[in-house]
Protein backbone atom coordinates (compact mmCIF):
# COMPACT_ATOMS: atom_id res chain seq x y z
CA MET A 1 0.76 -28.62 15.07
CA PRO A 2 1.87 -26.27 11.92
CA SER A 3 -0.27 -23.14 11.78
CA ARG A 4 -3.36 -22.87 9.50
CA GLU A 5 -1.51 -20.83 7.53
CA SER A 6 1.32 -23.13 7.31
CA ARG A 7 -0.82 -25.80 5.89
CA ILE A 8 -2.67 -24.40 3.63
CA ALA A 9 0.93 -22.34 2.00
CA TRP A 10 1.88 -26.19 1.77
CA LYS A 11 -0.98 -27.40 0.03
CA CYS A 12 -0.90 -24.63 -2.32
CA LEU A 13 3.02 -25.43 -2.83
CA THR A 14 1.98 -29.11 -3.29
CA VAL A 15 -0.60 -28.25 -5.87
CA LEU A 16 2.08 -25.89 -7.57
CA LEU A 17 4.95 -28.18 -7.88
CA GLY A 18 2.65 -31.06 -9.08
CA VAL A 19 1.87 -28.73 -11.67
CA VAL A 20 5.18 -27.78 -12.60
CA LEU A 21 6.03 -31.23 -13.12
CA LEU A 22 2.96 -31.78 -15.04
CA GLY A 23 3.77 -28.81 -17.53
CA SER A 24 7.39 -29.72 -17.58
CA CYS A 25 7.19 -31.35 -21.01
CA ARG A 26 5.19 -28.95 -22.69
CA ALA A 27 6.06 -26.99 -25.35
CA ARG A 28 6.77 -23.21 -25.07
CA ARG A 29 3.76 -21.04 -25.64
CA PRO A 30 3.28 -19.87 -29.31
CA ASP A 31 3.68 -16.43 -30.20
CA ASP A 32 -0.11 -16.18 -32.06
CA VAL A 33 -2.32 -16.68 -29.18
CA PRO A 34 -3.78 -13.97 -26.65
CA VAL A 35 -1.03 -12.62 -23.90
CA GLU A 36 -2.29 -14.59 -20.51
CA VAL A 37 -1.83 -12.25 -17.71
CA SER A 38 -2.58 -12.94 -13.58
CA VAL A 39 -2.47 -10.50 -11.19
CA ILE A 40 -1.69 -11.60 -8.01
CA GLY A 41 -4.86 -10.81 -5.52
CA ALA A 42 -8.54 -11.32 -5.44
CA ALA A 43 -10.54 -12.06 -8.80
CA VAL A 44 -10.93 -9.10 -11.46
CA HIS A 45 -13.39 -7.03 -10.85
CA PRO A 46 -14.10 -3.48 -11.75
CA GLY A 47 -14.26 -0.83 -8.73
CA ASP A 48 -15.03 3.03 -8.50
CA PRO A 49 -12.30 4.30 -7.35
CA SER A 50 -14.19 7.09 -5.42
CA ARG A 51 -15.66 4.71 -3.06
CA GLY A 52 -12.62 3.19 -1.73
CA PRO A 53 -9.06 1.99 -2.82
CA LEU A 54 -9.04 -0.24 -5.38
CA SER A 55 -7.49 -3.91 -5.25
CA LEU A 56 -4.06 -4.46 -7.69
CA PRO A 57 -6.24 -6.79 -10.20
CA ALA A 58 -8.95 -3.93 -10.39
CA ARG A 59 -6.38 -1.26 -11.09
CA VAL A 60 -4.79 -3.13 -13.74
CA LEU A 61 -8.49 -3.60 -15.26
CA MET A 62 -8.91 -0.21 -14.92
CA GLY A 63 -5.47 1.08 -16.26
CA ALA A 64 -6.43 -1.32 -19.06
CA THR A 65 -9.86 -0.01 -20.02
CA ALA A 66 -10.09 3.37 -19.24
CA GLN A 67 -6.96 5.67 -19.21
CA GLY A 68 -6.96 9.10 -17.71
CA LEU A 69 -5.88 12.31 -19.29
CA VAL A 70 -2.49 10.85 -19.61
CA HIS A 71 -0.78 7.34 -18.36
CA PHE A 72 2.38 5.97 -17.84
CA ASP A 73 4.30 3.82 -20.22
CA ALA A 74 6.55 0.84 -20.04
CA LEU A 75 9.01 3.03 -17.85
CA GLY A 76 6.71 4.62 -15.86
CA GLN A 77 6.98 7.88 -17.94
CA ILE A 78 3.86 9.90 -19.09
CA GLU A 79 2.45 9.51 -22.51
CA PRO A 80 -0.95 11.12 -23.88
CA GLY A 81 -4.01 9.43 -22.97
CA VAL A 82 -7.32 10.78 -23.52
CA ALA A 83 -5.36 14.00 -23.53
CA GLU A 84 -3.48 13.96 -27.11
CA ARG A 85 -1.32 17.47 -25.75
CA TRP A 86 -1.41 19.74 -22.81
CA ILE A 87 0.68 22.81 -21.56
CA VAL A 88 1.46 24.82 -18.21
CA ILE A 89 0.86 28.19 -17.62
CA ASP A 90 0.27 30.76 -14.84
CA ASP A 91 4.02 29.58 -13.22
CA GLY A 92 2.21 25.94 -12.84
CA ARG A 93 -1.00 26.77 -11.97
CA SER A 94 -2.39 26.15 -15.24
CA TYR A 95 -2.69 22.87 -16.83
CA ILE A 96 -4.58 23.22 -20.26
CA PHE A 97 -5.82 19.89 -22.21
CA ARG A 98 -6.82 19.30 -25.48
CA LEU A 99 -8.50 16.02 -25.74
CA ARG A 100 -7.67 13.65 -28.81
CA GLU A 101 -10.77 11.66 -30.58
CA ALA A 102 -11.74 9.30 -27.82
CA ARG A 103 -14.93 7.12 -27.87
CA TRP A 104 -16.47 5.01 -25.21
CA ALA A 105 -17.28 1.71 -25.48
CA ASN A 106 -21.04 2.06 -26.83
CA GLY A 107 -19.15 3.99 -29.53
CA LYS A 108 -20.38 7.80 -28.38
CA PRO A 109 -17.70 10.33 -28.55
CA VAL A 110 -15.92 10.87 -25.31
CA THR A 111 -16.60 14.94 -24.40
CA ALA A 112 -14.99 17.80 -22.50
CA ASP A 113 -17.90 17.61 -20.16
CA GLN A 114 -17.89 14.10 -19.54
CA VAL A 115 -14.21 14.01 -18.98
CA VAL A 116 -14.89 17.31 -16.22
CA ARG A 117 -17.80 15.51 -14.27
CA VAL A 118 -15.53 12.17 -13.80
CA LEU A 119 -11.95 14.14 -12.81
CA ARG A 120 -14.38 16.28 -10.29
CA ARG A 121 -15.96 13.41 -8.53
CA ALA A 122 -12.16 11.78 -8.48
CA ALA A 123 -10.73 15.08 -6.47
CA ALA A 124 -13.99 16.00 -4.35
CA ALA A 125 -13.17 16.70 -1.12
CA ASN A 126 -15.41 13.88 0.04
CA SER A 127 -14.17 11.26 -2.11
CA ARG A 128 -12.73 8.02 -0.67
CA ASN A 129 -10.40 7.84 -3.76
CA ALA A 130 -6.70 7.10 -2.59
CA LEU A 131 -5.53 9.96 -3.87
CA ALA A 132 -7.67 12.16 -2.76
CA PRO A 133 -5.22 13.86 -0.14
CA PHE A 134 -3.06 14.70 -2.68
CA LEU A 135 -5.68 16.57 -5.02
CA ALA A 136 -6.77 19.26 -2.36
CA VAL A 137 -4.53 21.49 -4.79
CA ILE A 138 -7.05 21.60 -7.26
CA ASP A 139 -9.18 24.34 -7.22
CA GLU A 140 -11.61 23.89 -10.20
CA ILE A 141 -11.82 22.14 -13.23
CA VAL A 142 -13.53 23.62 -16.31
CA GLU A 143 -14.60 22.80 -19.60
CA MET A 144 -13.34 25.60 -21.68
CA THR A 145 -14.36 23.99 -25.28
CA PRO A 146 -15.84 20.39 -26.34
CA ARG A 147 -12.18 19.32 -26.68
CA VAL A 148 -10.48 21.31 -24.33
CA ILE A 149 -10.44 21.52 -20.44
CA GLU A 150 -8.42 23.22 -18.15
CA VAL A 151 -7.20 22.33 -14.30
CA ARG A 152 -6.55 24.95 -12.04
CA LEU A 153 -4.45 25.12 -8.93
CA LYS A 154 -4.41 26.99 -6.02
CA ARG A 155 -0.49 26.62 -5.99
CA PRO A 156 2.26 25.47 -8.32
CA ARG A 157 2.14 21.43 -8.73
CA PRO A 158 5.16 20.13 -10.97
CA ASP A 159 4.30 16.34 -10.40
CA LEU A 160 0.44 16.90 -11.17
CA LEU A 161 0.70 14.67 -14.28
CA LYS A 162 2.13 11.77 -12.16
CA LEU A 163 -0.96 11.74 -10.26
CA PHE A 164 -3.17 12.16 -13.25
CA ALA A 165 -1.28 9.08 -14.72
CA GLN A 166 -2.89 6.70 -12.04
CA PRO A 167 -5.79 4.26 -12.24
CA GLU A 168 -7.45 5.93 -10.17
CA MET A 169 -7.70 9.06 -11.91
CA ALA A 170 -9.21 7.35 -15.18
CA VAL A 171 -11.84 8.71 -17.25
CA PHE A 172 -14.57 6.13 -17.06
CA ASP A 173 -18.31 6.02 -17.41
CA PRO A 174 -19.66 5.55 -13.47
CA ARG A 175 -22.31 3.29 -14.33
CA THR A 176 -20.75 0.55 -16.38
CA PHE A 177 -16.94 1.28 -15.14
CA ALA A 178 -15.97 1.44 -18.92
CA GLY A 179 -13.77 4.12 -20.98
CA SER A 180 -12.36 4.75 -23.80
CA GLY A 181 -9.49 2.03 -24.08
CA PRO A 182 -6.65 1.03 -25.06
CA PHE A 183 -8.90 -2.20 -24.42
CA ARG A 184 -12.64 -3.65 -24.69
CA ALA A 185 -13.09 -5.59 -21.95
CA GLN A 186 -15.77 -8.86 -22.13
CA PRO A 187 -16.15 -12.19 -19.69
CA ASP A 188 -14.94 -14.92 -21.37
CA GLY A 189 -17.53 -17.28 -19.32
CA HIS A 190 -15.05 -18.94 -16.95
CA GLY A 191 -14.86 -15.77 -14.05
CA TRP A 192 -11.60 -14.03 -16.46
CA LEU A 193 -11.83 -11.35 -18.71
CA MET A 194 -10.89 -11.04 -22.49
CA LEU A 195 -9.61 -7.95 -23.25
CA ARG A 196 -9.25 -6.73 -26.96
CA PRO A 197 -7.94 -3.69 -28.77
CA ALA A 198 -10.34 -0.73 -28.85
CA PRO A 199 -10.69 0.67 -32.17
CA ASP A 200 -8.51 3.81 -33.31
CA PRO A 201 -11.47 6.57 -34.31
CA LEU A 202 -9.01 8.29 -36.50
CA GLN A 203 -8.38 4.89 -38.00
CA GLU A 204 -12.10 3.92 -38.87
CA GLY A 205 -13.15 3.37 -42.58
CA ASP A 206 -9.42 3.17 -43.70
CA PRO A 207 -8.98 -0.15 -45.46
CA ASP A 208 -5.40 -0.28 -44.97
CA ALA A 209 -5.37 0.26 -41.11
CA PRO A 210 -3.10 -2.75 -39.02
CA LYS A 211 -6.16 -5.23 -38.02
CA PRO A 212 -5.00 -6.57 -34.48
CA GLY A 213 -4.25 -10.41 -34.05
CA PRO A 214 -5.33 -12.60 -31.44
CA GLU A 215 -1.80 -11.86 -29.87
CA ASP A 216 -2.87 -8.17 -29.66
CA GLN A 217 -5.92 -9.48 -27.04
CA VAL A 218 -4.89 -10.02 -23.23
CA HIS A 219 -6.70 -12.74 -21.20
CA LEU A 220 -6.85 -11.15 -17.91
CA ARG A 221 -7.51 -12.94 -14.23
CA GLY A 222 -6.51 -12.00 -10.62
CA GLU A 223 -5.65 -15.30 -8.33
CA ARG A 224 -3.50 -15.91 -5.46
CA ALA A 225 0.10 -15.99 -6.38
CA ALA A 226 0.90 -19.82 -5.52
CA LEU A 227 -1.97 -20.41 -8.40
CA ALA A 228 -0.35 -17.89 -10.92
CA LEU A 229 2.95 -19.19 -10.61
CA ALA A 230 1.96 -22.52 -10.91
CA ARG A 231 0.02 -21.51 -14.28
CA PHE A 232 2.97 -19.80 -15.58
CA ALA A 233 5.67 -22.79 -14.74
CA ALA A 234 3.17 -25.37 -16.44
CA ARG A 235 3.31 -22.69 -19.53
CA LYS A 236 -0.45 -21.95 -19.35
CA SER A 237 0.17 -17.93 -18.97
CA ASP A 238 2.64 -15.81 -20.12
CA LEU A 239 2.74 -12.95 -17.24
CA VAL A 240 2.48 -12.94 -13.56
CA LEU A 241 2.22 -9.00 -12.00
CA GLY A 242 2.07 -7.78 -8.72
CA GLY A 243 4.16 -9.70 -6.99
CA SER A 244 5.67 -8.40 -3.43
CA PHE A 245 7.71 -9.69 -0.42
CA ALA A 246 4.51 -11.44 0.98
CA ASP A 247 4.62 -14.20 -1.92
CA TRP A 248 8.48 -14.32 -2.70
CA PRO A 249 9.47 -17.47 -1.01
CA LEU A 250 6.98 -19.09 -3.72
CA VAL A 251 8.90 -18.27 -6.37
CA ALA A 252 11.55 -20.18 -5.74
CA ALA A 253 9.34 -23.44 -5.09
CA ALA A 254 7.79 -22.76 -8.60
CA GLY A 255 11.02 -23.24 -10.57
CA ILE A 256 10.79 -20.39 -12.34
CA ALA A 257 13.82 -19.88 -14.82
CA PRO A 258 15.90 -16.42 -13.87
CA ALA A 259 15.59 -15.07 -17.13
CA ASN A 260 11.80 -14.91 -16.65
CA LEU A 261 11.75 -13.39 -12.90
CA ARG A 262 12.07 -9.70 -12.84
CA THR A 263 11.95 -6.75 -10.43
CA ASP A 264 11.33 -3.33 -10.24
CA PRO A 265 13.51 -0.30 -8.76
CA ALA A 266 10.20 0.43 -6.98
CA GLN A 267 10.28 3.55 -4.63
CA GLY A 268 7.85 4.25 -1.97
CA LEU A 269 7.12 3.10 1.91
CA PHE A 270 7.93 -0.47 3.60
CA GLY A 271 8.12 -0.14 7.17
CA LEU A 272 6.31 -0.25 10.01
CA ALA A 273 4.12 2.87 11.24
CA VAL A 274 3.69 3.32 15.23
CA VAL A 275 -0.25 3.34 14.90
CA ARG A 276 -0.46 3.52 18.68
CA ARG A 277 1.60 6.04 21.20
CA ASP A 278 0.81 5.22 24.44
CA GLY A 279 2.86 3.21 27.10
CA PHE A 280 6.06 2.49 26.14
CA LEU A 281 5.71 4.10 22.64
CA ALA A 282 4.60 7.48 23.97
CA ASP A 283 8.35 8.64 24.14
CA PRO A 284 10.14 9.38 20.81
CA ALA A 285 13.54 7.92 22.41
CA HIS A 286 11.40 4.45 22.70
CA ARG A 287 10.54 4.44 19.34
CA ALA A 288 13.78 5.56 18.15
CA ALA A 289 15.54 2.69 20.45
CA LEU A 290 13.00 0.12 18.66
CA SER A 291 13.77 1.56 15.19
CA ALA A 292 17.61 1.05 15.69
CA ALA A 293 17.39 -2.19 16.93
CA ILE A 294 15.85 -3.62 13.85
CA ASP A 295 18.88 -5.27 11.48
CA ARG A 296 17.60 -4.26 8.28
CA ALA A 297 20.43 -5.36 6.61
CA THR A 298 20.12 -8.87 7.84
CA ILE A 299 16.26 -8.82 6.83
CA VAL A 300 16.93 -7.49 2.88
CA ALA A 301 19.85 -10.02 2.54
CA ASP A 302 17.45 -12.81 3.64
CA PHE A 303 14.97 -11.97 0.60
CA ALA A 304 16.73 -11.19 -2.49
CA PRO A 305 20.13 -10.03 -3.05
CA GLY A 306 20.07 -6.27 -4.45
CA TRP A 307 16.83 -5.23 -2.13
CA ALA A 308 17.62 -1.98 -0.79
CA ALA A 309 17.48 -1.14 2.91
CA SER A 310 16.50 1.96 4.24
CA THR A 311 16.72 3.67 7.69
CA THR A 312 15.29 7.23 6.24
CA LEU A 313 11.91 8.29 5.01
CA LEU A 314 12.73 9.57 1.73
CA PRO A 315 14.34 7.44 -0.74
CA ASP A 316 16.21 10.59 -2.40
CA LYS A 317 15.88 14.60 -2.09
CA LEU A 318 13.01 14.50 -3.97
CA ASP A 319 11.23 17.90 -4.23
CA SER A 320 12.35 18.65 -0.39
CA ALA A 321 14.98 21.46 -0.07
CA GLN A 322 17.47 19.01 1.41
CA GLY A 323 18.48 15.27 1.06
CA PRO A 324 16.46 12.64 3.62
CA ALA A 325 17.10 13.21 7.15
CA ILE A 326 19.29 10.38 8.66
CA PRO A 327 18.31 9.34 12.01
CA SER A 328 21.27 9.38 14.83
CA TRP A 329 21.60 6.31 15.40
CA ALA A 330 22.47 5.25 11.80
CA VAL A 331 25.86 5.45 12.00
CA GLN A 332 26.35 2.98 15.10
CA PRO A 333 27.03 -0.97 14.63
CA ILE A 334 23.88 -2.76 15.29
CA ASP A 335 25.06 -4.33 18.39
CA GLN A 336 25.29 -1.70 20.23
CA ARG A 337 21.67 -0.43 19.09
CA GLN A 338 20.06 -3.17 20.03
CA GLY A 339 22.17 -3.17 23.25
CA ALA A 340 21.06 0.67 23.89
CA ALA A 341 17.12 -0.41 23.09
CA ARG A 342 18.01 -3.62 25.30
CA LEU A 343 18.67 -0.98 28.27
CA ALA A 344 15.58 1.45 27.75
CA VAL A 345 13.41 -2.08 27.71
CA GLN A 346 14.79 -3.27 30.92
CA ALA A 347 14.40 0.12 32.67
CA TRP A 348 10.68 0.15 31.14
CA ASN A 349 9.85 -3.26 32.66
CA ALA A 350 11.42 -2.80 35.89
CA SER A 351 8.94 0.43 36.75
CA HIS A 352 6.18 -1.51 35.54
CA ALA A 353 3.93 -4.66 36.67
CA ASP A 354 4.15 -6.13 33.24
CA ALA A 355 6.44 -7.05 30.70
CA LEU A 356 6.40 -4.73 27.51
CA ARG A 357 4.12 -6.58 24.79
CA LEU A 358 3.70 -5.21 21.19
CA ARG A 359 1.41 -6.27 18.62
CA VAL A 360 2.51 -6.23 15.17
CA ALA A 361 0.02 -6.09 12.54
CA LEU A 362 1.33 -8.24 9.10
CA PRO A 363 -0.28 -9.47 5.90
CA PRO A 364 -0.38 -13.10 4.92
CA GLY A 365 2.06 -15.12 3.11
CA GLN A 366 5.19 -17.17 3.60
CA GLY A 367 7.31 -13.77 2.94
CA ALA A 368 5.48 -12.11 6.07
CA THR A 369 6.30 -15.27 7.84
CA ARG A 370 9.50 -14.87 7.10
CA LEU A 371 9.72 -11.10 8.00
CA TRP A 372 7.99 -12.12 11.41
CA TRP A 373 11.03 -14.39 12.15
CA HIS A 374 13.32 -11.49 11.74
CA LEU A 375 11.09 -8.86 13.77
CA SER A 376 10.40 -11.29 16.37
CA ARG A 377 13.74 -12.54 17.01
CA THR A 378 14.84 -8.48 17.55
CA PHE A 379 11.98 -8.05 19.56
CA ALA A 380 12.90 -10.89 21.66
CA THR A 381 16.58 -9.75 21.70
CA ILE A 382 15.90 -6.52 22.90
CA GLY A 383 13.15 -8.17 26.28
CA ILE A 384 10.07 -7.41 24.20
CA LEU A 385 6.85 -9.86 23.94
CA ALA A 386 5.76 -9.71 20.34
CA GLU A 387 3.10 -11.01 19.18
CA ARG A 388 1.92 -11.07 15.24
CA VAL A 389 -1.76 -9.86 14.08
CA ALA A 390 -3.63 -9.67 10.98
CA ILE A 391 -2.63 -6.62 9.01
CA ASP A 392 -6.39 -4.74 9.88
CA ALA A 393 -6.26 -5.71 13.46
CA ASP A 394 -5.57 -3.83 16.69
CA ALA A 395 -1.96 -3.31 16.87
CA GLU A 396 0.83 -1.07 17.75
CA LEU A 397 3.00 -1.26 14.84
CA ARG A 398 1.79 -2.01 11.27
CA LEU A 399 3.25 -2.61 8.25
CA VAL A 400 2.73 -0.15 5.04
CA ASP A 401 3.86 -1.57 1.97
CA GLU A 402 3.14 0.72 -0.68
CA VAL A 403 4.77 2.20 -3.91
CA ALA A 404 4.58 6.21 -4.08
CA PRO A 405 2.69 7.39 -6.89
CA TYR A 406 4.50 10.26 -7.59
CA ASP A 407 7.51 12.01 -6.35
CA SER A 408 6.68 14.15 -3.74
CA GLY A 409 8.36 14.11 -0.40
CA ARG A 410 4.93 14.93 1.23
CA TRP A 411 3.38 11.85 0.13
CA TYR A 412 5.72 10.04 1.94
CA LEU A 413 5.21 12.29 5.12
CA VAL A 414 1.73 12.05 4.83
CA LYS A 415 1.73 7.96 4.90
CA ALA A 416 4.24 8.10 7.76
CA CYS A 417 2.21 10.36 9.89
CA GLN A 418 -0.07 7.55 11.14
CA PRO A 419 0.01 9.57 13.76
CA CYS A 420 3.10 11.80 14.23
CA SER A 421 3.73 14.78 16.49
CA GLU A 422 1.85 17.94 16.15
CA ASP A 423 4.90 19.76 14.92
CA ALA A 424 5.41 17.55 12.34
CA ARG A 425 1.59 17.47 11.17
CA MET A 426 1.51 21.24 11.32
CA LEU A 427 5.09 21.21 9.09
CA ILE A 428 3.32 18.51 6.64
CA ASP A 429 -0.01 20.72 6.27
CA ALA A 430 2.51 24.06 5.35
CA ALA A 431 3.90 22.31 2.91
CA ARG A 432 0.35 21.43 1.01
CA ASP A 433 -0.37 25.25 1.60
CA ALA A 434 3.09 26.40 0.70
CA PRO A 435 2.34 29.57 -1.89
CA ASP A 436 5.51 28.42 -3.99
CA LEU A 437 7.93 25.79 -4.87
CA TYR A 438 10.97 27.41 -2.39
CA GLN A 439 8.39 27.81 0.46
CA ARG A 440 7.02 24.08 -0.24
CA ALA A 441 10.48 22.30 -0.57
CA HIS A 442 11.64 24.32 2.97
CA ARG A 443 8.50 22.96 4.39
CA ILE A 444 8.98 19.35 3.36
CA ALA A 445 12.42 19.32 4.82
CA GLU A 446 11.30 20.36 8.18
CA ALA A 447 8.68 17.99 8.55
CA ASP A 448 11.18 15.33 7.13
CA LEU A 449 13.46 16.07 10.02
CA ALA A 450 10.38 16.52 12.53
CA LEU A 451 8.89 13.00 11.36
CA THR A 452 12.65 11.60 11.91
CA ALA A 453 12.80 13.39 15.46
CA ASP A 454 9.68 12.03 16.38
CA ALA A 455 10.19 8.56 15.25
CA ALA A 456 6.37 8.07 13.87
CA PHE A 457 7.64 5.37 11.37
CA ILE A 458 9.96 2.65 11.13
CA PRO A 459 11.47 2.49 7.74
CA ILE A 460 13.07 -1.35 6.96
CA ALA A 461 13.61 -0.94 2.82
CA GLN A 462 12.46 -0.12 -0.56
CA PRO A 463 8.84 -1.61 -1.66
CA PHE A 464 9.84 -5.33 -3.21
CA ARG A 465 8.07 -5.63 -6.08
CA TRP A 466 8.68 -8.65 -8.71
CA SER A 467 6.77 -10.05 -11.77
CA VAL A 468 7.42 -13.32 -14.25
CA VAL A 469 7.53 -12.54 -17.58
CA ALA A 470 7.64 -14.79 -20.63
CA MET A 471 10.37 -14.24 -23.52
CA ARG A 472 8.00 -12.89 -25.70
CA LEU A 473 6.61 -9.80 -24.00
CA PRO A 474 9.78 -7.89 -24.47
CA GLY A 475 8.02 -4.41 -23.43
CA TRP A 476 7.74 -5.34 -20.05
CA GLN A 477 10.21 -2.63 -18.82
CA GLY A 478 11.39 -2.14 -14.70
CA ASN A 479 10.53 0.90 -13.03
CA VAL A 480 10.05 3.12 -9.67
CA ARG A 481 6.05 2.62 -10.39
CA ALA A 482 6.25 -0.61 -10.28
CA TRP A 483 3.22 -0.28 -13.14
CA HIS A 484 3.15 -2.19 -16.48
CA PRO A 485 0.88 -1.14 -18.95
CA LEU A 486 -0.74 -3.85 -20.94
CA ASN A 487 -0.84 -2.13 -24.02
CA HIS A 488 2.89 -2.06 -24.16
CA LEU A 489 4.00 -5.35 -22.98
CA ARG A 490 4.42 -6.62 -26.68
CA ASP A 491 6.51 -3.17 -27.53
CA THR A 492 10.24 -3.97 -28.84
CA PRO A 493 12.32 -1.80 -26.60
CA HIS A 494 13.84 1.09 -28.16
């Protein structure tokens, strides 16, 4: 009998294909109507980043209605947000921001004091903000004048602006979750949100100021991938955001035209964290053998052309003193690597009463099922009895699929250490506390070598992120952050 997940997926696909056929004769969506956007995930609800990680729909909503001091443009580059300009002094230990004229949703001006309080809350040691572990470098955030604030650091950090551009660092009213724009959100009565451009205080009262039209509005919803794709295929929406490997097989079933399918050159971590280090996995040589046995090239080729496999923790040199540490087995052919892993498992089983079993925690979705097919086949080949469990269940191995918020090797090392050796942990902490960038770069390089030798994480590929984009949205641009601000969707690329 098919599994419950398979039955649900088949039902969704049946509905999806029916809607596709129904919509196949509909005319293309006009250009003078609001932009319809679906974000894959739960329903769109505002959230407080200091109370825990936000869902992707909540992050998109926060980024649309509450910008930070700075934010990302369509290419993933920094542009002004609440701050109109800034300078960096004291060898990178002080960032001074001058605020622009911004207003809350109730029309009152945004003040430096309010910005300081929100940012202090996000960076507090007891905050559950997903970025809090990487904000410990902040010494204090102070109001210098009613329109100027200073962020003082314990040590220099050239990548700080990319952290401040994340939705988790948005400047919002903790009571209403509303910010200064670029959009204002209103419920549409159907559980979705209508986003309208926030008024520009500098153009207030100007009769010649351009007036936003219906096409400048965004209708935002969060929903399952199957429904989002069905809506697009039926020409009822213009954009699907947040696609990952887990839902990738649904794209083919939806019949999406190649011209509408876009992927991001995302950088981050996609692989298996070794979350239990006992039994077979207590030995770093065994963990390395397990990592070596995985046929990464076959996995990525089965999903999509161009998806990049990874054998290293770091995707590039980034802020490390040297390039990514390469495991010693990486130059060996896959059959030789799997043969060595099989011998290690056989030796283990020979000295233990029970055969080796491993639980692998994966998310739901047909793409995850496809990944599981590859992993379970590899494990069976080398003699391991493997069991798939839910992503949040107890397990020996757990999938990590995250895009890096900024370009620091330390982010990769912290995320990969779940747990790791004491030596690696000490080096990761030493990189955080390094007094200058030279020392930081060398500690990152040493930690990368230590984690690779420890085999604490099994890299498989770079994160796979896709969107479905209507031709009326020329502003969508692929970028390493896989982040697509809603106020730049209609921009004409330069």
